[in-house]
């Protein structure tokens, strides 16, 4: 009986690990499109990036998100101004904070070949203040 339970648990573990590895690969294009759409919907800037990689194995027990060719371009009044660009952005995130769902803990941030352009207009508006106002607050 114990042997059957261990076999079933082993198979289940292999399936979960396999799904964790394969699902990001299979649905990569859909994930990238959804991320771009959601980010651009929630900020006052245009965000674009190239390849996107999500890995659990190299940074276990955390997971790492790597984004290549990241750019954040301003919109009015900073139309066309590049706020930032980077050859690669890598975020290592504590997986338990993601599972718990409350606050996500970022363990590290790496920027490779980054360009950051900070601008403040005479009226005090800054190009890095790109978060849209929360419409759910009264």
N, C-alpha and C. Protein backbone atom coordinates (compact mmCIF):
# COMPACT_ATOMS: atom_id res chain seq x y z
N UNK A 1 0.83 -1.19 0.00
CA UNK A 1 0.00 0.00 0.00
C UNK A 1 0.88 1.26 0.00
N UNK A 2 1.91 1.30 0.86
CA UNK A 2 2.81 2.44 0.94
C UNK A 2 3.56 2.62 -0.38
N UNK A 3 3.92 1.50 -1.01
CA UNK A 3 4.64 1.56 -2.28
C UNK A 3 3.76 2.23 -3.36
N UNK A 4 2.47 1.90 -3.39
CA UNK A 4 1.55 2.50 -4.36
C UNK A 4 1.41 4.00 -4.12
N UNK A 5 1.33 4.39 -2.86
CA UNK A 5 1.20 5.81 -2.52
C UNK A 5 2.44 6.57 -2.97
N UNK A 6 3.62 6.00 -2.73
CA UNK A 6 4.85 6.65 -3.14
C UNK A 6 4.97 6.76 -4.66
N UNK A 7 4.53 5.73 -5.36
CA UNK A 7 4.56 5.75 -6.82
C UNK A 7 3.63 6.84 -7.35
N UNK A 8 2.43 6.90 -6.81
CA UNK A 8 1.47 7.92 -7.24
C UNK A 8 1.99 9.32 -6.91
N UNK A 9 2.56 9.50 -5.72
CA UNK A 9 3.12 10.79 -5.33
C UNK A 9 4.29 11.17 -6.24
N UNK A 10 5.13 10.22 -6.60
CA UNK A 10 6.24 10.47 -7.50
C UNK A 10 5.78 10.89 -8.88
N UNK A 11 4.78 10.19 -9.40
CA UNK A 11 4.23 10.53 -10.72
C UNK A 11 3.61 11.92 -10.68
N UNK A 12 2.88 12.22 -9.62
CA UNK A 12 2.27 13.53 -9.47
C UNK A 12 3.33 14.63 -9.41
N UNK A 13 4.40 14.39 -8.69
CA UNK A 13 5.49 15.36 -8.60
C UNK A 13 6.14 15.59 -9.96
N UNK A 14 6.37 14.53 -10.70
CA UNK A 14 6.95 14.65 -12.04
C UNK A 14 6.01 15.44 -12.96
N UNK A 15 4.72 15.20 -12.87
CA UNK A 15 3.75 15.93 -13.69
C UNK A 15 3.72 17.42 -13.34
N UNK A 16 3.80 17.73 -12.06
CA UNK A 16 3.78 19.14 -11.63
C UNK A 16 5.04 19.85 -12.11
N UNK A 17 6.19 19.22 -11.92
CA UNK A 17 7.45 19.82 -12.37
C UNK A 17 7.45 19.95 -13.89
N UNK A 18 6.98 18.94 -14.57
CA UNK A 18 6.89 18.99 -16.04
C UNK A 18 5.99 20.11 -16.51
N UNK A 19 4.85 20.28 -15.85
CA UNK A 19 3.94 21.36 -16.21
C UNK A 19 4.58 22.72 -15.94
N UNK A 20 5.30 22.84 -14.82
CA UNK A 20 5.96 24.11 -14.49
C UNK A 20 7.00 24.48 -15.53
N UNK A 21 7.63 23.48 -16.13
CA UNK A 21 8.64 23.72 -17.15
C UNK A 21 8.00 23.95 -18.52
N UNK A 22 7.01 23.16 -18.87
CA UNK A 22 6.44 23.19 -20.22
C UNK A 22 5.40 24.29 -20.46
N UNK A 23 4.58 24.61 -19.47
CA UNK A 23 3.51 25.59 -19.69
C UNK A 23 4.02 26.96 -20.11
N UNK A 24 5.08 27.49 -19.45
CA UNK A 24 5.58 28.78 -19.93
C UNK A 24 6.11 28.72 -21.37
N UNK A 25 6.64 27.58 -21.77
CA UNK A 25 7.15 27.43 -23.14
C UNK A 25 5.99 27.34 -24.13
N UNK A 26 5.00 26.54 -23.80
CA UNK A 26 3.86 26.33 -24.70
C UNK A 26 3.05 27.62 -24.89
N UNK A 27 2.81 28.34 -23.81
CA UNK A 27 1.97 29.53 -23.86
C UNK A 27 2.75 30.83 -23.85
N UNK A 28 4.03 30.78 -24.21
CA UNK A 28 4.90 31.93 -24.13
C UNK A 28 4.38 33.14 -24.90
N UNK A 29 3.99 32.95 -26.15
CA UNK A 29 3.50 34.07 -26.97
C UNK A 29 2.26 34.71 -26.36
N UNK A 30 1.35 33.89 -25.87
CA UNK A 30 0.13 34.42 -25.24
C UNK A 30 0.46 35.16 -23.95
N UNK A 31 1.40 34.64 -23.18
CA UNK A 31 1.80 35.28 -21.93
C UNK A 31 2.44 36.63 -22.22
N UNK A 32 3.34 36.68 -23.20
CA UNK A 32 4.02 37.93 -23.55
C UNK A 32 2.99 38.98 -24.00
N UNK A 33 2.08 38.60 -24.86
CA UNK A 33 1.06 39.54 -25.35
C UNK A 33 0.18 40.04 -24.21
N UNK A 34 -0.21 39.14 -23.31
CA UNK A 34 -1.04 39.53 -22.18
C UNK A 34 -0.30 40.47 -21.23
N UNK A 35 0.96 40.18 -20.96
CA UNK A 35 1.76 41.03 -20.07
C UNK A 35 1.90 42.42 -20.67
N UNK A 36 2.24 42.52 -21.95
CA UNK A 36 2.38 43.82 -22.61
C UNK A 36 1.07 44.61 -22.55
N UNK A 37 -0.03 43.93 -22.85
CA UNK A 37 -1.34 44.59 -22.85
C UNK A 37 -1.69 45.11 -21.46
N UNK A 38 -1.52 44.28 -20.44
CA UNK A 38 -1.87 44.67 -19.08
C UNK A 38 -0.98 45.79 -18.55
N UNK A 39 0.32 45.71 -18.83
CA UNK A 39 1.24 46.76 -18.38
C UNK A 39 0.88 48.08 -19.04
N UNK A 40 0.69 48.07 -20.34
CA UNK A 40 0.39 49.31 -21.06
C UNK A 40 -0.97 49.88 -20.69
N UNK A 41 -1.88 49.03 -20.27
CA UNK A 41 -3.20 49.48 -19.85
C UNK A 41 -3.14 50.20 -18.50
N UNK A 42 -2.14 49.89 -17.68
CA UNK A 42 -2.08 50.39 -16.31
C UNK A 42 -1.04 51.48 -16.06
N UNK A 43 -0.37 51.93 -17.10
CA UNK A 43 0.60 53.01 -16.93
C UNK A 43 0.46 54.03 -18.04
N UNK A 44 0.99 55.23 -17.80
CA UNK A 44 0.98 56.30 -18.79
C UNK A 44 2.31 56.31 -19.54
N UNK A 45 2.58 55.23 -20.21
CA UNK A 45 3.79 55.09 -21.03
C UNK A 45 3.59 53.87 -21.93
N UNK A 46 4.49 53.73 -22.88
CA UNK A 46 4.45 52.59 -23.80
C UNK A 46 5.60 51.67 -23.44
N UNK A 47 5.26 50.46 -22.99
CA UNK A 47 6.27 49.47 -22.62
C UNK A 47 6.34 48.41 -23.72
N UNK A 48 7.56 48.08 -24.08
CA UNK A 48 7.75 47.02 -25.08
C UNK A 48 8.97 46.21 -24.66
N UNK A 49 9.00 44.97 -25.08
CA UNK A 49 10.15 44.11 -24.81
C UNK A 49 10.17 42.97 -25.80
N UNK A 50 11.34 42.34 -25.89
CA UNK A 50 11.53 41.23 -26.82
C UNK A 50 11.21 39.91 -26.15
N UNK A 51 12.23 39.10 -25.98
CA UNK A 51 12.04 37.76 -25.43
C UNK A 51 11.76 37.82 -23.93
N UNK A 52 11.04 36.84 -23.45
CA UNK A 52 10.60 36.76 -22.06
C UNK A 52 10.89 35.34 -21.59
N UNK A 53 11.54 35.22 -20.43
CA UNK A 53 11.87 33.90 -19.93
C UNK A 53 11.52 33.81 -18.45
N UNK A 54 10.87 32.74 -18.09
CA UNK A 54 10.51 32.48 -16.70
C UNK A 54 11.14 31.16 -16.31
N UNK A 55 11.98 31.19 -15.27
CA UNK A 55 12.66 29.96 -14.87
C UNK A 55 12.56 29.76 -13.37
N UNK A 56 12.37 28.52 -13.01
CA UNK A 56 12.29 28.12 -11.61
C UNK A 56 13.51 27.30 -11.24
N UNK A 57 14.08 26.63 -12.20
CA UNK A 57 15.14 25.68 -11.91
C UNK A 57 16.47 26.33 -11.51
N UNK A 58 16.90 27.39 -12.19
CA UNK A 58 18.21 27.97 -11.91
C UNK A 58 18.26 28.80 -10.65
N UNK A 59 17.11 29.23 -10.14
CA UNK A 59 17.10 30.08 -8.94
C UNK A 59 16.27 29.47 -7.82
N UNK A 60 16.04 28.16 -7.88
CA UNK A 60 15.21 27.48 -6.88
C UNK A 60 15.70 27.80 -5.48
N UNK A 61 14.88 28.09 -4.50
CA UNK A 61 13.42 27.99 -4.44
C UNK A 61 12.71 29.23 -4.95
N UNK A 62 13.43 30.23 -5.42
CA UNK A 62 12.80 31.41 -6.00
C UNK A 62 12.63 31.18 -7.50
N UNK A 63 11.98 32.12 -8.17
CA UNK A 63 11.95 32.02 -9.63
C UNK A 63 12.40 33.34 -10.22
N UNK A 64 12.93 33.26 -11.43
CA UNK A 64 13.51 34.42 -12.09
C UNK A 64 12.76 34.72 -13.38
N UNK A 65 12.47 35.98 -13.57
CA UNK A 65 11.84 36.48 -14.79
C UNK A 65 12.89 37.30 -15.51
N UNK A 66 13.17 36.94 -16.77
CA UNK A 66 14.14 37.70 -17.57
C UNK A 66 13.41 38.29 -18.76
N UNK A 67 13.62 39.58 -18.97
CA UNK A 67 12.99 40.30 -20.07
C UNK A 67 14.11 40.93 -20.89
N UNK A 68 14.15 40.62 -22.18
CA UNK A 68 15.16 41.17 -23.07
C UNK A 68 14.61 42.37 -23.83
N UNK A 69 15.51 43.29 -24.16
CA UNK A 69 15.20 44.47 -24.99
C UNK A 69 14.01 45.25 -24.43
N UNK A 70 14.08 45.60 -23.16
CA UNK A 70 13.02 46.35 -22.50
C UNK A 70 13.12 47.83 -22.85
N UNK A 71 11.97 48.45 -23.14
CA UNK A 71 11.95 49.90 -23.33
C UNK A 71 10.66 50.47 -22.74
N UNK A 72 10.80 51.64 -22.14
CA UNK A 72 9.65 52.38 -21.61
C UNK A 72 9.73 53.77 -22.23
N UNK A 73 8.75 54.08 -23.09
CA UNK A 73 8.72 55.34 -23.84
C UNK A 73 7.54 56.17 -23.32
N UNK A 74 7.80 57.44 -23.08
CA UNK A 74 6.78 58.33 -22.54
C UNK A 74 5.68 58.66 -23.53
N UNK A 75 4.54 59.05 -22.97
CA UNK A 75 3.44 59.62 -23.75
C UNK A 75 3.23 61.03 -23.20
N UNK A 76 2.35 61.78 -23.80
CA UNK A 76 2.16 63.20 -23.46
C UNK A 76 2.26 63.43 -21.97
N UNK A 77 2.98 64.41 -21.54
CA UNK A 77 3.74 65.44 -22.26
C UNK A 77 5.18 65.01 -22.60
N UNK A 78 5.51 63.76 -22.37
CA UNK A 78 6.87 63.26 -22.64
C UNK A 78 6.88 62.37 -23.88
N UNK A 79 6.05 62.70 -24.84
CA UNK A 79 5.89 61.92 -26.06
C UNK A 79 7.23 61.63 -26.72
N UNK A 80 7.53 60.35 -26.90
CA UNK A 80 8.73 59.93 -27.59
C UNK A 80 10.00 59.90 -26.75
N UNK A 81 9.95 60.43 -25.53
CA UNK A 81 11.14 60.40 -24.66
C UNK A 81 11.28 59.01 -24.05
N UNK A 82 12.48 58.46 -24.11
CA UNK A 82 12.74 57.16 -23.51
C UNK A 82 13.00 57.36 -22.03
N UNK A 83 12.14 56.77 -21.21
CA UNK A 83 12.35 56.80 -19.76
C UNK A 83 13.47 55.84 -19.40
N UNK A 84 13.37 54.63 -19.94
CA UNK A 84 14.42 53.63 -19.69
C UNK A 84 14.44 52.62 -20.82
N UNK A 85 15.62 52.04 -20.98
CA UNK A 85 15.77 50.90 -21.87
C UNK A 85 16.87 50.03 -21.29
N UNK A 86 16.80 48.76 -21.56
CA UNK A 86 17.82 47.84 -21.05
C UNK A 86 17.92 46.65 -21.97
N UNK A 87 19.13 46.16 -22.11
CA UNK A 87 19.32 44.94 -22.90
C UNK A 87 18.62 43.77 -22.22
N UNK A 88 18.70 43.74 -20.88
CA UNK A 88 18.01 42.68 -20.15
C UNK A 88 17.67 43.15 -18.74
N UNK A 89 16.47 42.80 -18.30
CA UNK A 89 16.02 43.01 -16.92
C UNK A 89 15.74 41.64 -16.34
N UNK A 90 16.32 41.36 -15.18
CA UNK A 90 16.07 40.08 -14.51
C UNK A 90 15.58 40.35 -13.10
N UNK A 91 14.44 39.76 -12.76
CA UNK A 91 13.87 39.87 -11.41
C UNK A 91 13.84 38.49 -10.79
N UNK A 92 14.37 38.37 -9.59
CA UNK A 92 14.25 37.12 -8.85
C UNK A 92 13.22 37.36 -7.76
N UNK A 93 12.20 36.52 -7.74
CA UNK A 93 11.04 36.71 -6.87
C UNK A 93 10.91 35.52 -5.92
N UNK A 94 10.58 35.82 -4.67
CA UNK A 94 10.33 34.78 -3.67
C UNK A 94 9.04 34.05 -4.03
N UNK A 95 9.14 32.77 -4.31
CA UNK A 95 7.98 32.01 -4.78
C UNK A 95 6.89 31.89 -3.72
N UNK A 96 7.27 31.84 -2.45
CA UNK A 96 6.25 31.73 -1.39
C UNK A 96 5.41 32.99 -1.31
N UNK A 97 6.00 34.15 -1.57
CA UNK A 97 5.21 35.39 -1.55
C UNK A 97 4.21 35.41 -2.70
N UNK A 98 4.57 34.80 -3.82
CA UNK A 98 3.65 34.72 -4.96
C UNK A 98 2.50 33.76 -4.63
N UNK A 99 2.83 32.63 -4.02
CA UNK A 99 1.81 31.64 -3.67
C UNK A 99 0.84 32.21 -2.64
N UNK A 100 1.37 32.92 -1.64
CA UNK A 100 0.51 33.52 -0.62
C UNK A 100 -0.36 34.62 -1.19
N UNK A 101 0.15 35.33 -2.20
CA UNK A 101 -0.66 36.29 -2.92
C UNK A 101 -0.81 37.66 -2.29
N UNK A 102 -0.29 37.91 -1.13
CA UNK A 102 -0.46 39.21 -0.49
C UNK A 102 0.52 40.22 -1.09
N UNK A 103 1.74 40.19 -0.63
CA UNK A 103 2.78 41.09 -1.10
C UNK A 103 3.86 40.25 -1.77
N UNK A 104 4.25 40.63 -2.97
CA UNK A 104 5.29 39.89 -3.69
C UNK A 104 6.65 40.44 -3.29
N UNK A 105 7.53 39.56 -2.82
CA UNK A 105 8.87 39.95 -2.40
C UNK A 105 9.86 39.73 -3.53
N UNK A 106 10.49 40.81 -3.97
CA UNK A 106 11.50 40.74 -5.01
C UNK A 106 12.85 40.60 -4.32
N UNK A 107 13.54 39.50 -4.62
CA UNK A 107 14.83 39.21 -4.01
C UNK A 107 15.96 40.01 -4.66
N UNK A 108 15.92 40.16 -5.98
CA UNK A 108 16.97 40.92 -6.67
C UNK A 108 16.45 41.47 -7.99
N UNK A 109 17.08 42.56 -8.41
CA UNK A 109 16.80 43.18 -9.71
C UNK A 109 18.15 43.38 -10.39
N UNK A 110 18.25 42.92 -11.63
CA UNK A 110 19.47 43.11 -12.41
C UNK A 110 19.12 43.80 -13.72
N UNK A 111 19.83 44.86 -14.03
CA UNK A 111 19.68 45.56 -15.30
C UNK A 111 21.00 45.47 -16.05
N UNK A 112 20.97 45.01 -17.27
CA UNK A 112 22.17 44.93 -18.10
C UNK A 112 22.08 45.94 -19.22
N UNK A 113 23.14 46.71 -19.38
CA UNK A 113 23.25 47.75 -20.40
C UNK A 113 22.02 48.65 -20.38
N UNK A 114 21.78 49.26 -19.22
CA UNK A 114 20.60 50.08 -19.01
C UNK A 114 20.84 51.54 -19.35
N UNK A 115 19.80 52.19 -19.83
CA UNK A 115 19.77 53.63 -20.06
C UNK A 115 18.57 54.15 -19.29
N UNK A 116 18.79 55.13 -18.44
CA UNK A 116 17.70 55.73 -17.66
C UNK A 116 17.75 57.23 -17.89
N UNK A 117 16.62 57.81 -18.31
CA UNK A 117 16.52 59.21 -18.66
C UNK A 117 15.42 59.85 -17.81
N UNK A 118 15.82 60.57 -16.76
CA UNK A 118 14.86 61.19 -15.85
C UNK A 118 14.70 62.67 -16.19
N UNK A 119 13.44 63.08 -16.38
CA UNK A 119 13.14 64.46 -16.77
C UNK A 119 12.07 65.01 -15.83
N UNK A 120 12.26 66.27 -15.40
CA UNK A 120 11.25 66.98 -14.62
C UNK A 120 10.97 68.29 -15.35
N UNK A 121 9.69 68.52 -15.65
CA UNK A 121 9.29 69.75 -16.32
C UNK A 121 9.26 70.90 -15.31
N UNK A 122 9.20 72.14 -15.81
CA UNK A 122 9.16 73.31 -14.93
C UNK A 122 7.95 73.29 -14.00
N UNK A 123 6.85 72.67 -14.45
CA UNK A 123 5.65 72.61 -13.60
C UNK A 123 5.70 71.47 -12.58
N UNK A 124 6.82 70.74 -12.53
CA UNK A 124 7.01 69.69 -11.52
C UNK A 124 6.64 68.29 -11.96
N UNK A 125 6.07 68.12 -13.15
CA UNK A 125 5.73 66.78 -13.63
C UNK A 125 7.00 66.03 -14.01
N UNK A 126 7.07 64.77 -13.58
CA UNK A 126 8.25 63.95 -13.84
C UNK A 126 7.90 62.80 -14.77
N UNK A 127 8.82 62.46 -15.66
CA UNK A 127 8.53 61.41 -16.64
C UNK A 127 8.48 60.01 -16.01
N UNK A 128 8.98 59.85 -14.80
CA UNK A 128 8.92 58.55 -14.14
C UNK A 128 7.62 58.33 -13.36
N UNK A 129 6.79 59.34 -13.26
CA UNK A 129 5.50 59.23 -12.58
C UNK A 129 4.48 58.71 -13.61
N UNK A 130 4.57 57.41 -13.91
CA UNK A 130 3.78 56.84 -15.00
C UNK A 130 2.61 55.97 -14.53
N UNK A 131 2.46 55.80 -13.24
CA UNK A 131 1.36 54.97 -12.74
C UNK A 131 0.04 55.72 -12.92
N UNK A 132 -0.94 55.04 -13.48
CA UNK A 132 -2.27 55.65 -13.62
C UNK A 132 -2.93 55.70 -12.25
N UNK A 133 -3.78 56.70 -12.07
CA UNK A 133 -4.51 56.84 -10.81
C UNK A 133 -5.43 55.64 -10.62
N UNK A 134 -5.53 55.18 -9.38
CA UNK A 134 -6.38 54.04 -9.05
C UNK A 134 -7.84 54.50 -9.06
N UNK A 135 -8.60 54.04 -10.05
CA UNK A 135 -10.00 54.47 -10.19
C UNK A 135 -10.92 53.79 -9.19
N UNK A 136 -10.43 52.77 -8.49
CA UNK A 136 -11.29 52.06 -7.53
C UNK A 136 -11.36 52.78 -6.19
N UNK A 137 -10.45 53.73 -5.95
CA UNK A 137 -10.48 54.48 -4.70
C UNK A 137 -11.48 55.62 -4.80
N UNK A 138 -12.18 55.84 -3.72
CA UNK A 138 -13.19 56.92 -3.73
C UNK A 138 -12.69 58.13 -3.02
